[in-house]
Amino acid sequence: MKIAQKLLSTAIFAALPLFAHAGAIDQLRGFLNETRSYKADFEQAVVSRNGRKPQESSGTLAILRPGKLRWEILKPYPQLVVGDGEKIWIHDPELQQVTVRKAGQAIGGSPAALLAGSNELEKNFTLREAGDAEGLAWVEAIPKSPDSGFEKVRIGMAGKDMKAMELFDNFGQTTHIRLLRNERNPTLPATLFRFTPPAGADVIGE
């Protein structure tokens, strides 16, 4: 009896890493299923393949699912991405330029666009468990479309809270994003997800 119990205990402990890693995709699904709106501050660092000093920025994001998002870089150079459900507006104040894309092309516009759609993330991505690191459970999302602009995306979960994203693009750059002071299902004003090009701005792609 004791031998049987010992063998059972050994088998359970041997399987613990598998159980731990198996929860990451479920955590992401739980986040998507239970999150209607979301806001957070973010810190972002873009690391190039040649190892140059990372380009760092910070700002805020807001998501109203499905389809609406606001990704605003405040420092060091302002940039605004707004998705109204039909179009994605990318405003660069320094260049006085606005780029417009259809919502279906949003993946290249902002990391927030990955999570602003419906719950059909697996329709566009193949999800894989990516283990635990930095105190988070990671999901690796491989785009099914060759035109996505990304090789893969890693999403770091703590329970059902999304805490980090890492995007690996086709140019060898890696974008590291950490989400801070996040809030799930807040009441967000509709004006956050509307955009009118400022007077004098060049509008491209409309």
N, C-alpha and C. Protein backbone atom coordinates (compact mmCIF):
# COMPACT_ATOMS: atom_id res chain seq x y z
N MET A 1 0.83 -1.20 0.00
CA MET A 1 0.00 0.00 0.00
C MET A 1 0.87 1.26 0.00
N LYS A 2 1.91 1.26 0.88
CA LYS A 2 2.79 2.41 0.95
C LYS A 2 3.55 2.59 -0.35
N ILE A 3 3.95 1.47 -0.97
CA ILE A 3 4.68 1.55 -2.25
C ILE A 3 3.78 2.18 -3.32
N ALA A 4 2.52 1.76 -3.32
CA ALA A 4 1.57 2.29 -4.30
C ALA A 4 1.37 3.78 -4.10
N GLN A 5 1.25 4.19 -2.79
CA GLN A 5 1.07 5.60 -2.50
C GLN A 5 2.29 6.42 -2.91
N LYS A 6 3.47 5.84 -2.69
CA LYS A 6 4.70 6.53 -3.05
C LYS A 6 4.80 6.71 -4.56
N LEU A 7 4.44 5.66 -5.30
CA LEU A 7 4.47 5.75 -6.76
C LEU A 7 3.48 6.79 -7.26
N LEU A 8 2.30 6.84 -6.61
CA LEU A 8 1.29 7.82 -7.01
C LEU A 8 1.78 9.24 -6.72
N SER A 9 2.39 9.42 -5.55
CA SER A 9 2.91 10.75 -5.20
C SER A 9 4.00 11.18 -6.18
N THR A 10 4.88 10.24 -6.53
CA THR A 10 5.95 10.55 -7.48
C THR A 10 5.38 10.97 -8.82
N ALA A 11 4.34 10.26 -9.26
CA ALA A 11 3.71 10.57 -10.55
C ALA A 11 3.07 11.95 -10.52
N ILE A 12 2.45 12.31 -9.40
CA ILE A 12 1.79 13.62 -9.28
C ILE A 12 2.83 14.74 -9.33
N PHE A 13 3.92 14.57 -8.55
CA PHE A 13 4.95 15.61 -8.54
C PHE A 13 5.62 15.73 -9.90
N ALA A 14 5.79 14.63 -10.60
CA ALA A 14 6.40 14.67 -11.92
C ALA A 14 5.51 15.41 -12.92
N ALA A 15 4.21 15.37 -12.69
CA ALA A 15 3.28 16.01 -13.62
C ALA A 15 3.00 17.46 -13.30
N LEU A 16 3.46 17.94 -12.13
CA LEU A 16 3.15 19.31 -11.72
C LEU A 16 3.58 20.36 -12.73
N PRO A 17 4.78 20.30 -13.31
CA PRO A 17 5.14 21.31 -14.31
C PRO A 17 4.19 21.33 -15.49
N LEU A 18 3.70 20.15 -15.88
CA LEU A 18 2.76 20.09 -16.99
C LEU A 18 1.46 20.78 -16.64
N PHE A 19 0.96 20.53 -15.42
CA PHE A 19 -0.28 21.18 -15.00
C PHE A 19 -0.09 22.69 -14.91
N ALA A 20 1.07 23.12 -14.41
CA ALA A 20 1.32 24.55 -14.25
C ALA A 20 1.32 25.26 -15.60
N HIS A 21 2.01 24.67 -16.58
CA HIS A 21 2.10 25.28 -17.89
C HIS A 21 0.79 25.19 -18.65
N ALA A 22 0.01 24.16 -18.40
CA ALA A 22 -1.21 23.96 -19.15
C ALA A 22 -2.24 25.03 -18.86
N GLY A 23 -2.06 25.80 -17.76
CA GLY A 23 -3.06 26.79 -17.41
C GLY A 23 -2.94 28.11 -18.15
N ALA A 24 -1.82 28.37 -18.83
CA ALA A 24 -1.61 29.70 -19.41
C ALA A 24 -2.64 30.03 -20.48
N ILE A 25 -2.91 29.10 -21.38
CA ILE A 25 -3.90 29.35 -22.42
C ILE A 25 -5.28 29.53 -21.81
N ASP A 26 -5.60 28.72 -20.80
CA ASP A 26 -6.89 28.86 -20.13
C ASP A 26 -7.01 30.22 -19.44
N GLN A 27 -5.91 30.71 -18.87
CA GLN A 27 -5.91 32.03 -18.24
C GLN A 27 -6.20 33.11 -19.28
N LEU A 28 -5.58 33.00 -20.45
CA LEU A 28 -5.82 33.96 -21.52
C LEU A 28 -7.27 33.90 -22.00
N ARG A 29 -7.78 32.69 -22.16
CA ARG A 29 -9.19 32.55 -22.56
C ARG A 29 -10.11 33.15 -21.52
N GLY A 30 -9.78 32.94 -20.23
CA GLY A 30 -10.59 33.52 -19.17
C GLY A 30 -10.57 35.04 -19.22
N PHE A 31 -9.40 35.60 -19.48
CA PHE A 31 -9.28 37.05 -19.62
C PHE A 31 -10.18 37.57 -20.74
N LEU A 32 -10.12 36.92 -21.89
CA LEU A 32 -10.91 37.36 -23.04
C LEU A 32 -12.40 37.19 -22.79
N ASN A 33 -12.78 36.09 -22.18
CA ASN A 33 -14.20 35.82 -21.95
C ASN A 33 -14.82 36.76 -20.93
N GLU A 34 -14.01 37.21 -19.96
CA GLU A 34 -14.56 37.99 -18.85
C GLU A 34 -14.22 39.48 -18.91
N THR A 35 -13.54 39.89 -19.96
CA THR A 35 -13.14 41.29 -20.08
C THR A 35 -13.91 41.97 -21.20
N ARG A 36 -14.73 42.94 -20.83
CA ARG A 36 -15.47 43.72 -21.83
C ARG A 36 -14.74 45.04 -22.13
N SER A 37 -14.12 45.58 -21.10
CA SER A 37 -13.34 46.80 -21.26
C SER A 37 -12.07 46.68 -20.41
N TYR A 38 -11.07 47.48 -20.76
CA TYR A 38 -9.77 47.32 -20.09
C TYR A 38 -8.99 48.62 -20.26
N LYS A 39 -8.29 49.01 -19.20
CA LYS A 39 -7.38 50.15 -19.33
C LYS A 39 -6.14 49.89 -18.49
N ALA A 40 -5.04 50.48 -18.91
CA ALA A 40 -3.78 50.29 -18.21
C ALA A 40 -2.78 51.34 -18.66
N ASP A 41 -1.75 51.53 -17.85
CA ASP A 41 -0.56 52.24 -18.30
C ASP A 41 0.40 51.20 -18.85
N PHE A 42 1.30 51.63 -19.73
CA PHE A 42 2.26 50.67 -20.25
C PHE A 42 3.65 51.28 -20.35
N GLU A 43 4.64 50.41 -20.26
CA GLU A 43 6.03 50.76 -20.55
C GLU A 43 6.49 49.84 -21.67
N GLN A 44 7.11 50.42 -22.67
CA GLN A 44 7.47 49.66 -23.86
C GLN A 44 8.93 49.86 -24.21
N ALA A 45 9.59 48.78 -24.61
CA ALA A 45 10.98 48.86 -25.07
C ALA A 45 11.11 48.06 -26.36
N VAL A 46 11.63 48.70 -27.40
CA VAL A 46 11.82 48.04 -28.69
C VAL A 46 13.31 47.72 -28.84
N VAL A 47 13.62 46.43 -28.97
CA VAL A 47 15.01 45.98 -29.06
C VAL A 47 15.27 45.50 -30.48
N SER A 48 16.28 46.05 -31.11
CA SER A 48 16.61 45.67 -32.48
C SER A 48 17.51 44.45 -32.51
N ARG A 49 17.62 43.85 -33.66
CA ARG A 49 18.43 42.63 -33.81
C ARG A 49 19.90 42.89 -33.55
N ASN A 50 20.39 44.09 -33.90
CA ASN A 50 21.82 44.38 -33.76
C ASN A 50 22.22 44.78 -32.35
N GLY A 51 21.25 44.78 -31.42
CA GLY A 51 21.59 45.02 -30.02
C GLY A 51 21.78 46.46 -29.64
N ARG A 52 21.35 47.39 -30.50
CA ARG A 52 21.46 48.80 -30.14
C ARG A 52 20.61 49.12 -28.90
N LYS A 53 20.85 50.28 -28.33
CA LYS A 53 20.11 50.68 -27.13
C LYS A 53 18.60 50.64 -27.40
N PRO A 54 17.83 50.00 -26.52
CA PRO A 54 16.38 49.89 -26.76
C PRO A 54 15.71 51.26 -26.85
N GLN A 55 14.70 51.34 -27.71
CA GLN A 55 13.87 52.54 -27.79
C GLN A 55 12.75 52.39 -26.77
N GLU A 56 12.75 53.25 -25.77
CA GLU A 56 11.79 53.13 -24.68
C GLU A 56 10.69 54.19 -24.79
N SER A 57 9.49 53.80 -24.43
CA SER A 57 8.37 54.73 -24.44
C SER A 57 7.36 54.30 -23.39
N SER A 58 6.42 55.19 -23.11
CA SER A 58 5.39 54.87 -22.12
C SER A 58 4.11 55.61 -22.48
N GLY A 59 2.99 55.10 -21.96
CA GLY A 59 1.72 55.73 -22.26
C GLY A 59 0.56 54.99 -21.64
N THR A 60 -0.59 55.08 -22.27
CA THR A 60 -1.80 54.47 -21.75
C THR A 60 -2.51 53.71 -22.86
N LEU A 61 -3.30 52.72 -22.47
CA LEU A 61 -4.13 52.02 -23.43
C LEU A 61 -5.51 51.80 -22.85
N ALA A 62 -6.47 51.71 -23.76
CA ALA A 62 -7.85 51.42 -23.38
C ALA A 62 -8.46 50.54 -24.45
N ILE A 63 -9.25 49.56 -24.03
CA ILE A 63 -9.89 48.62 -24.95
C ILE A 63 -11.37 48.52 -24.60
N LEU A 64 -12.21 48.59 -25.61
CA LEU A 64 -13.63 48.32 -25.45
C LEU A 64 -13.99 47.26 -26.48
N ARG A 65 -14.20 46.06 -26.02
CA ARG A 65 -14.39 44.93 -26.91
C ARG A 65 -15.85 44.78 -27.30
N PRO A 66 -16.12 44.38 -28.57
CA PRO A 66 -15.12 44.05 -29.58
C PRO A 66 -14.78 45.23 -30.48
N GLY A 67 -13.49 45.34 -30.80
CA GLY A 67 -13.07 46.18 -31.90
C GLY A 67 -12.60 47.58 -31.62
N LYS A 68 -12.80 48.11 -30.41
CA LYS A 68 -12.43 49.49 -30.16
C LYS A 68 -11.21 49.56 -29.24
N LEU A 69 -10.28 50.44 -29.59
CA LEU A 69 -9.06 50.54 -28.80
C LEU A 69 -8.48 51.94 -28.88
N ARG A 70 -7.66 52.24 -27.89
CA ARG A 70 -6.90 53.50 -27.86
C ARG A 70 -5.53 53.19 -27.27
N TRP A 71 -4.50 53.41 -28.06
CA TRP A 71 -3.12 53.14 -27.65
C TRP A 71 -2.37 54.46 -27.80
N GLU A 72 -2.03 55.09 -26.68
CA GLU A 72 -1.46 56.44 -26.72
C GLU A 72 -0.08 56.46 -26.09
N ILE A 73 0.92 56.73 -26.91
CA ILE A 73 2.28 56.92 -26.41
C ILE A 73 2.42 58.38 -25.99
N LEU A 74 2.83 58.60 -24.73
CA LEU A 74 2.96 59.94 -24.19
C LEU A 74 4.41 60.42 -24.17
N LYS A 75 5.34 59.50 -23.87
CA LYS A 75 6.76 59.83 -23.78
C LYS A 75 7.58 58.77 -24.52
N PRO A 76 8.69 59.14 -25.15
CA PRO A 76 9.20 60.51 -25.28
C PRO A 76 8.59 61.28 -26.46
N TYR A 77 8.01 60.56 -27.43
CA TYR A 77 7.43 61.21 -28.61
C TYR A 77 5.97 60.79 -28.73
N PRO A 78 5.04 61.73 -28.65
CA PRO A 78 3.62 61.37 -28.68
C PRO A 78 3.21 60.68 -29.98
N GLN A 79 2.37 59.68 -29.84
CA GLN A 79 1.74 59.02 -30.97
C GLN A 79 0.43 58.43 -30.47
N LEU A 80 -0.58 58.43 -31.32
CA LEU A 80 -1.90 57.97 -30.92
C LEU A 80 -2.44 57.00 -31.95
N VAL A 81 -2.95 55.85 -31.45
CA VAL A 81 -3.64 54.88 -32.29
C VAL A 81 -5.06 54.73 -31.75
N VAL A 82 -6.05 54.96 -32.59
CA VAL A 82 -7.45 54.85 -32.19
C VAL A 82 -8.16 53.92 -33.16
N GLY A 83 -8.86 52.94 -32.60
CA GLY A 83 -9.70 52.04 -33.40
C GLY A 83 -11.15 52.24 -33.03
N ASP A 84 -11.99 52.57 -34.02
CA ASP A 84 -13.40 52.83 -33.74
C ASP A 84 -14.31 51.65 -34.10
N GLY A 85 -13.69 50.52 -34.43
CA GLY A 85 -14.46 49.34 -34.81
C GLY A 85 -14.49 49.11 -36.29
N GLU A 86 -14.26 50.16 -37.07
CA GLU A 86 -14.23 50.05 -38.52
C GLU A 86 -12.87 50.43 -39.10
N LYS A 87 -12.26 51.45 -38.50
CA LYS A 87 -10.97 51.92 -38.98
C LYS A 87 -9.98 52.06 -37.83
N ILE A 88 -8.71 52.00 -38.19
CA ILE A 88 -7.63 52.26 -37.25
C ILE A 88 -6.95 53.56 -37.69
N TRP A 89 -6.91 54.52 -36.79
CA TRP A 89 -6.29 55.81 -37.06
C TRP A 89 -4.96 55.89 -36.31
N ILE A 90 -3.89 56.20 -37.01
CA ILE A 90 -2.57 56.34 -36.39
C ILE A 90 -2.10 57.77 -36.60
N HIS A 91 -1.99 58.53 -35.52
CA HIS A 91 -1.66 59.95 -35.61
C HIS A 91 -0.26 60.20 -35.06
N ASP A 92 0.60 60.78 -35.89
CA ASP A 92 1.94 61.19 -35.48
C ASP A 92 1.97 62.71 -35.47
N PRO A 93 1.82 63.34 -34.29
CA PRO A 93 1.76 64.81 -34.23
C PRO A 93 3.02 65.49 -34.76
N GLU A 94 4.19 64.88 -34.53
CA GLU A 94 5.44 65.50 -34.96
C GLU A 94 5.51 65.62 -36.48
N LEU A 95 5.04 64.57 -37.17
CA LEU A 95 5.04 64.58 -38.63
C LEU A 95 3.78 65.22 -39.21
N GLN A 96 2.80 65.53 -38.33
CA GLN A 96 1.50 66.04 -38.77
C GLN A 96 0.89 65.10 -39.81
N GLN A 97 0.90 63.83 -39.46
CA GLN A 97 0.46 62.79 -40.39
C GLN A 97 -0.50 61.82 -39.72
N VAL A 98 -1.55 61.45 -40.44
CA VAL A 98 -2.51 60.46 -39.96
C VAL A 98 -2.59 59.33 -40.98
N THR A 99 -2.39 58.11 -40.53
CA THR A 99 -2.51 56.93 -41.39
C THR A 99 -3.77 56.18 -41.01
N VAL A 100 -4.55 55.79 -42.02
CA VAL A 100 -5.81 55.11 -41.78
C VAL A 100 -5.73 53.69 -42.35
N ARG A 101 -6.19 52.72 -41.56
CA ARG A 101 -6.24 51.33 -42.00
C ARG A 101 -7.60 50.75 -41.69
N LYS A 102 -7.99 49.75 -42.45
CA LYS A 102 -9.20 49.03 -42.09
C LYS A 102 -8.94 48.25 -40.81
N ALA A 103 -9.99 48.03 -40.03
CA ALA A 103 -9.83 47.36 -38.74
C ALA A 103 -9.23 45.97 -38.90
N GLY A 104 -9.50 45.30 -40.00
CA GLY A 104 -8.97 43.96 -40.22
C GLY A 104 -7.47 43.92 -40.38
N GLN A 105 -6.85 45.07 -40.64
CA GLN A 105 -5.41 45.15 -40.79
C GLN A 105 -4.73 45.67 -39.52
N ALA A 106 -5.46 45.62 -38.40
CA ALA A 106 -5.04 46.31 -37.19
C ALA A 106 -3.82 45.72 -36.53
N ILE A 107 -3.51 44.45 -36.80
CA ILE A 107 -2.40 43.82 -36.07
C ILE A 107 -1.11 44.60 -36.20
N GLY A 108 -0.88 45.21 -37.35
CA GLY A 108 0.33 45.98 -37.53
C GLY A 108 0.26 47.35 -36.89
N GLY A 109 -0.92 47.78 -36.49
CA GLY A 109 -1.08 49.12 -35.96
C GLY A 109 -0.76 49.26 -34.50
N SER A 110 -1.10 48.26 -33.70
CA SER A 110 -0.92 48.38 -32.26
C SER A 110 -1.04 47.01 -31.60
N PRO A 111 -0.20 46.74 -30.61
CA PRO A 111 -0.35 45.48 -29.88
C PRO A 111 -1.73 45.33 -29.23
N ALA A 112 -2.34 46.46 -28.86
CA ALA A 112 -3.66 46.39 -28.23
C ALA A 112 -4.69 45.79 -29.17
N ALA A 113 -4.47 45.92 -30.49
CA ALA A 113 -5.44 45.41 -31.45
C ALA A 113 -5.59 43.90 -31.38
N LEU A 114 -4.55 43.22 -30.91
CA LEU A 114 -4.63 41.77 -30.78
C LEU A 114 -5.72 41.34 -29.82
N LEU A 115 -5.98 42.17 -28.83
CA LEU A 115 -6.89 41.79 -27.76
C LEU A 115 -8.20 42.56 -27.79
N ALA A 116 -8.36 43.42 -28.77
CA ALA A 116 -9.57 44.24 -28.82
C ALA A 116 -10.68 43.60 -29.64
N GLY A 117 -10.38 42.50 -30.33
CA GLY A 117 -11.38 41.88 -31.18
C GLY A 117 -12.34 41.00 -30.40
N SER A 118 -12.94 40.06 -31.11
CA SER A 118 -13.86 39.13 -30.46
C SER A 118 -13.06 38.08 -29.70
N ASN A 119 -13.74 37.07 -29.19
CA ASN A 119 -13.06 36.01 -28.45
C ASN A 119 -12.43 34.97 -29.35
N GLU A 120 -12.38 35.24 -30.65
CA GLU A 120 -11.88 34.26 -31.60
C GLU A 120 -10.40 34.45 -31.88
N LEU A 121 -9.61 34.62 -30.81
CA LEU A 121 -8.17 34.80 -30.98
C LEU A 121 -7.57 33.61 -31.71
N GLU A 122 -8.07 32.41 -31.43
CA GLU A 122 -7.51 31.20 -32.02
C GLU A 122 -7.89 31.05 -33.50
N LYS A 123 -8.80 31.89 -33.97
CA LYS A 123 -9.13 31.88 -35.39
C LYS A 123 -7.97 32.46 -36.20
N ASN A 124 -7.26 33.40 -35.60
CA ASN A 124 -6.16 34.07 -36.29
C ASN A 124 -4.77 33.66 -35.80
N PHE A 125 -4.73 32.96 -34.66
CA PHE A 125 -3.44 32.58 -34.08
C PHE A 125 -3.46 31.13 -33.63
N THR A 126 -2.30 30.49 -33.72
CA THR A 126 -2.10 29.18 -33.10
C THR A 126 -1.50 29.43 -31.73
N LEU A 127 -2.15 28.96 -30.69
CA LEU A 127 -1.70 29.21 -29.32
C LEU A 127 -0.90 28.04 -28.80
N ARG A 128 0.20 28.35 -28.10
CA ARG A 128 1.05 27.33 -27.51
C ARG A 128 1.42 27.75 -26.09
N GLU A 129 1.56 26.78 -25.22
CA GLU A 129 2.08 27.05 -23.87
C GLU A 129 3.56 27.41 -23.99
N ALA A 130 3.98 28.45 -23.27
CA ALA A 130 5.37 28.90 -23.36
C ALA A 130 6.07 28.89 -22.00
N GLY A 131 5.50 28.19 -21.01
CA GLY A 131 6.16 28.02 -19.73
C GLY A 131 6.03 29.23 -18.82
N ASP A 132 6.73 29.19 -17.70
CA ASP A 132 6.69 30.25 -16.70
C ASP A 132 8.02 31.00 -16.69
N ALA A 133 7.96 32.32 -16.59
CA ALA A 133 9.15 33.16 -16.47
C ALA A 133 8.75 34.50 -15.89
N GLU A 134 9.63 35.07 -15.08
CA GLU A 134 9.39 36.39 -14.48
C GLU A 134 8.11 36.42 -13.66
N GLY A 135 7.73 35.28 -13.09
CA GLY A 135 6.54 35.22 -12.27
C GLY A 135 5.24 35.18 -13.06
N LEU A 136 5.32 34.99 -14.37
CA LEU A 136 4.14 34.96 -15.22
C LEU A 136 4.05 33.65 -15.98
N ALA A 137 2.83 33.27 -16.35
CA ALA A 137 2.60 32.13 -17.24
C ALA A 137 2.44 32.69 -18.65
N TRP A 138 3.21 32.14 -19.59
CA TRP A 138 3.28 32.73 -20.93
C TRP A 138 2.56 31.88 -21.97
N VAL A 139 1.87 32.59 -22.87
CA VAL A 139 1.25 31.97 -24.04
C VAL A 139 1.95 32.51 -25.27
N GLU A 140 2.28 31.63 -26.19
CA GLU A 140 2.88 32.03 -27.45
C GLU A 140 1.81 31.95 -28.54
N ALA A 141 1.60 33.05 -29.26
CA ALA A 141 0.59 33.12 -30.31
C ALA A 141 1.29 33.29 -31.66
N ILE A 142 1.10 32.32 -32.55
CA ILE A 142 1.71 32.33 -33.87
C ILE A 142 0.65 32.75 -34.89
N PRO A 143 0.83 33.88 -35.59
CA PRO A 143 -0.18 34.31 -36.56
C PRO A 143 -0.35 33.27 -37.68
N LYS A 144 -1.59 33.05 -38.06
CA LYS A 144 -1.87 32.12 -39.16
C LYS A 144 -1.72 32.80 -40.52
N SER A 145 -1.85 34.11 -40.54
CA SER A 145 -1.71 34.85 -41.79
C SER A 145 -0.25 35.23 -42.02
N PRO A 146 0.27 35.00 -43.22
CA PRO A 146 1.66 35.38 -43.51
C PRO A 146 1.83 36.89 -43.63
N ASP A 147 0.74 37.63 -43.69
CA ASP A 147 0.80 39.08 -43.86
C ASP A 147 0.63 39.84 -42.55
N SER A 148 0.74 39.16 -41.42
CA SER A 148 0.47 39.78 -40.13
C SER A 148 1.53 40.80 -39.74
N GLY A 149 2.76 40.63 -40.22
CA GLY A 149 3.85 41.51 -39.83
C GLY A 149 4.62 41.03 -38.62
N PHE A 150 4.13 39.94 -37.98
CA PHE A 150 4.79 39.40 -36.79
C PHE A 150 5.09 37.93 -36.97
N GLU A 151 6.22 37.50 -36.42
CA GLU A 151 6.54 36.08 -36.38
C GLU A 151 5.77 35.40 -35.25
N LYS A 152 5.72 36.07 -34.10
CA LYS A 152 4.99 35.51 -32.96
C LYS A 152 4.75 36.61 -31.93
N VAL A 153 3.82 36.34 -31.04
CA VAL A 153 3.51 37.22 -29.93
C VAL A 153 3.48 36.37 -28.66
N ARG A 154 4.10 36.85 -27.60
CA ARG A 154 4.05 36.17 -26.31
C ARG A 154 3.24 37.04 -25.35
N ILE A 155 2.33 36.40 -24.62
CA ILE A 155 1.46 37.11 -23.69
C ILE A 155 1.67 36.54 -22.30
N GLY A 156 2.00 37.41 -21.35
CA GLY A 156 2.27 36.99 -19.97
C GLY A 156 1.06 37.20 -19.09
N MET A 157 0.61 36.12 -18.44
CA MET A 157 -0.59 36.15 -17.61
C MET A 157 -0.26 35.90 -16.15
N ALA A 158 -0.98 36.59 -15.26
CA ALA A 158 -0.94 36.30 -13.83
C ALA A 158 -2.39 36.04 -13.42
N GLY A 159 -2.74 34.77 -13.29
CA GLY A 159 -4.15 34.43 -13.13
C GLY A 159 -4.88 34.82 -14.41
N LYS A 160 -5.97 35.58 -14.27
CA LYS A 160 -6.70 36.05 -15.45
C LYS A 160 -6.35 37.50 -15.79
N ASP A 161 -5.25 37.98 -15.23
CA ASP A 161 -4.80 39.33 -15.55
C ASP A 161 -3.66 39.29 -16.56
N MET A 162 -3.78 40.10 -17.59
CA MET A 162 -2.71 40.23 -18.57
C MET A 162 -1.70 41.24 -18.05
N LYS A 163 -0.43 40.84 -17.98
CA LYS A 163 0.59 41.69 -17.39
C LYS A 163 1.67 42.11 -18.38
N ALA A 164 1.85 41.36 -19.47
CA ALA A 164 2.96 41.66 -20.36
C ALA A 164 2.69 41.10 -21.76
N MET A 165 3.34 41.71 -22.74
CA MET A 165 3.31 41.20 -24.11
C MET A 165 4.71 41.36 -24.71
N GLU A 166 5.07 40.43 -25.56
CA GLU A 166 6.32 40.53 -26.30
C GLU A 166 6.02 40.21 -27.76
N LEU A 167 6.36 41.14 -28.65
CA LEU A 167 6.06 40.97 -30.06
C LEU A 167 7.35 40.85 -30.85
N PHE A 168 7.44 39.82 -31.66
CA PHE A 168 8.62 39.56 -32.49
C PHE A 168 8.22 39.81 -33.94
N ASP A 169 8.75 40.89 -34.54
CA ASP A 169 8.30 41.22 -35.89
C ASP A 169 9.20 40.61 -36.95
N ASN A 170 8.83 40.83 -38.21
CA ASN A 170 9.55 40.22 -39.32
C ASN A 170 10.87 40.92 -39.64
N PHE A 171 11.19 41.98 -38.91
CA PHE A 171 12.43 42.71 -39.14
C PHE A 171 13.47 42.40 -38.06
N GLY A 172 13.17 41.44 -37.22
CA GLY A 172 14.11 41.06 -36.17
C GLY A 172 14.01 41.90 -34.92
N GLN A 173 13.01 42.77 -34.83
CA GLN A 173 12.82 43.58 -33.62
C GLN A 173 11.91 42.87 -32.64
N THR A 174 12.18 43.09 -31.36
CA THR A 174 11.33 42.56 -30.30
C THR A 174 10.81 43.72 -29.47
N THR A 175 9.49 43.78 -29.31
CA THR A 175 8.86 44.83 -28.52
C THR A 175 8.40 44.23 -27.19
N HIS A 176 8.96 44.73 -26.09
CA HIS A 176 8.61 44.28 -24.75
C HIS A 176 7.64 45.28 -24.13
N ILE A 177 6.49 44.82 -23.69
CA ILE A 177 5.48 45.70 -23.11
C ILE A 177 5.11 45.19 -21.72
N ARG A 178 5.15 46.09 -20.74
CA ARG A 178 4.71 45.76 -19.39
C ARG A 178 3.50 46.62 -19.06
N LEU A 179 2.46 45.98 -18.56
CA LEU A 179 1.20 46.66 -18.26
C LEU A 179 1.11 46.95 -16.76
N LEU A 180 0.82 48.19 -16.43
CA LEU A 180 0.83 48.65 -15.04
C LEU A 180 -0.52 49.28 -14.70
N ARG A 181 -0.88 49.20 -13.42
CA ARG A 181 -2.11 49.83 -12.94
C ARG A 181 -3.31 49.50 -13.84
N ASN A 182 -3.40 48.24 -14.20
CA ASN A 182 -4.46 47.82 -15.11
C ASN A 182 -5.79 47.67 -14.38
N GLU A 183 -6.87 47.88 -15.10
CA GLU A 183 -8.21 47.78 -14.55
C GLU A 183 -9.11 47.08 -15.57
N ARG A 184 -9.80 46.04 -15.12
CA ARG A 184 -10.69 45.30 -16.00
C ARG A 184 -12.12 45.77 -15.82
N ASN A 185 -12.81 45.90 -16.95
CA ASN A 185 -14.23 46.26 -17.01
C ASN A 185 -14.56 47.61 -16.37
N PRO A 186 -13.72 48.62 -16.60
CA PRO A 186 -14.10 49.96 -16.15
C PRO A 186 -15.12 50.56 -17.13
N THR A 187 -15.79 51.60 -16.70
CA THR A 187 -16.67 52.35 -17.61
C THR A 187 -15.81 53.34 -18.39
N LEU A 188 -15.80 53.22 -19.71
CA LEU A 188 -14.96 54.05 -20.55
C LEU A 188 -15.83 54.94 -21.43
N PRO A 189 -15.53 56.24 -21.51
CA PRO A 189 -16.32 57.13 -22.36
C PRO A 189 -16.15 56.81 -23.84
N ALA A 190 -17.22 56.91 -24.59
CA ALA A 190 -17.19 56.60 -26.02
C ALA A 190 -16.23 57.51 -26.78
N THR A 191 -15.99 58.71 -26.27
CA THR A 191 -15.12 59.66 -26.95
C THR A 191 -13.67 59.17 -27.05
N LEU A 192 -13.27 58.24 -26.17
CA LEU A 192 -11.92 57.69 -26.24
C LEU A 192 -11.66 56.99 -27.57
N PHE A 193 -12.72 56.48 -28.18
CA PHE A 193 -12.57 55.63 -29.36
C PHE A 193 -13.07 56.31 -30.64
N ARG A 194 -13.06 57.64 -30.61
CA ARG A 194 -13.37 58.42 -31.79
C ARG A 194 -12.16 59.26 -32.15
N PHE A 195 -11.98 59.48 -33.45
CA PHE A 195 -10.84 60.29 -33.87
C PHE A 195 -11.21 61.12 -35.09
N THR A 196 -10.89 62.39 -35.03
CA THR A 196 -11.04 63.30 -36.16
C THR A 196 -9.67 63.87 -36.49
N PRO A 197 -9.19 63.68 -37.71
CA PRO A 197 -7.87 64.21 -38.05
C PRO A 197 -7.80 65.71 -37.80
N PRO A 198 -6.72 66.17 -37.17
CA PRO A 198 -6.59 67.61 -36.91
C PRO A 198 -6.41 68.39 -38.21
N ALA A 199 -6.82 69.62 -38.18
CA ALA A 199 -6.69 70.48 -39.36
C ALA A 199 -5.23 70.58 -39.78
N GLY A 200 -4.99 70.45 -41.07
CA GLY A 200 -3.63 70.59 -41.59
C GLY A 200 -2.84 69.29 -41.65
N ALA A 201 -3.35 68.21 -41.06
CA ALA A 201 -2.63 66.93 -41.07
C ALA A 201 -2.79 66.23 -42.42
N ASP A 202 -1.72 65.58 -42.87
CA ASP A 202 -1.80 64.75 -44.07
C ASP A 202 -2.44 63.43 -43.70
N VAL A 203 -3.50 63.05 -44.41
CA VAL A 203 -4.19 61.80 -44.15
C VAL A 203 -3.84 60.81 -45.26
N ILE A 204 -3.29 59.67 -44.86
CA ILE A 204 -2.81 58.67 -45.82
C ILE A 204 -3.64 57.40 -45.68
N GLY A 205 -4.15 56.90 -46.79
CA GLY A 205 -4.81 55.61 -46.80
C GLY A 205 -6.30 55.63 -46.67
N GLU A 206 -6.90 56.80 -46.51
CA GLU A 206 -8.35 56.87 -46.35
C GLU A 206 -9.04 56.71 -47.70
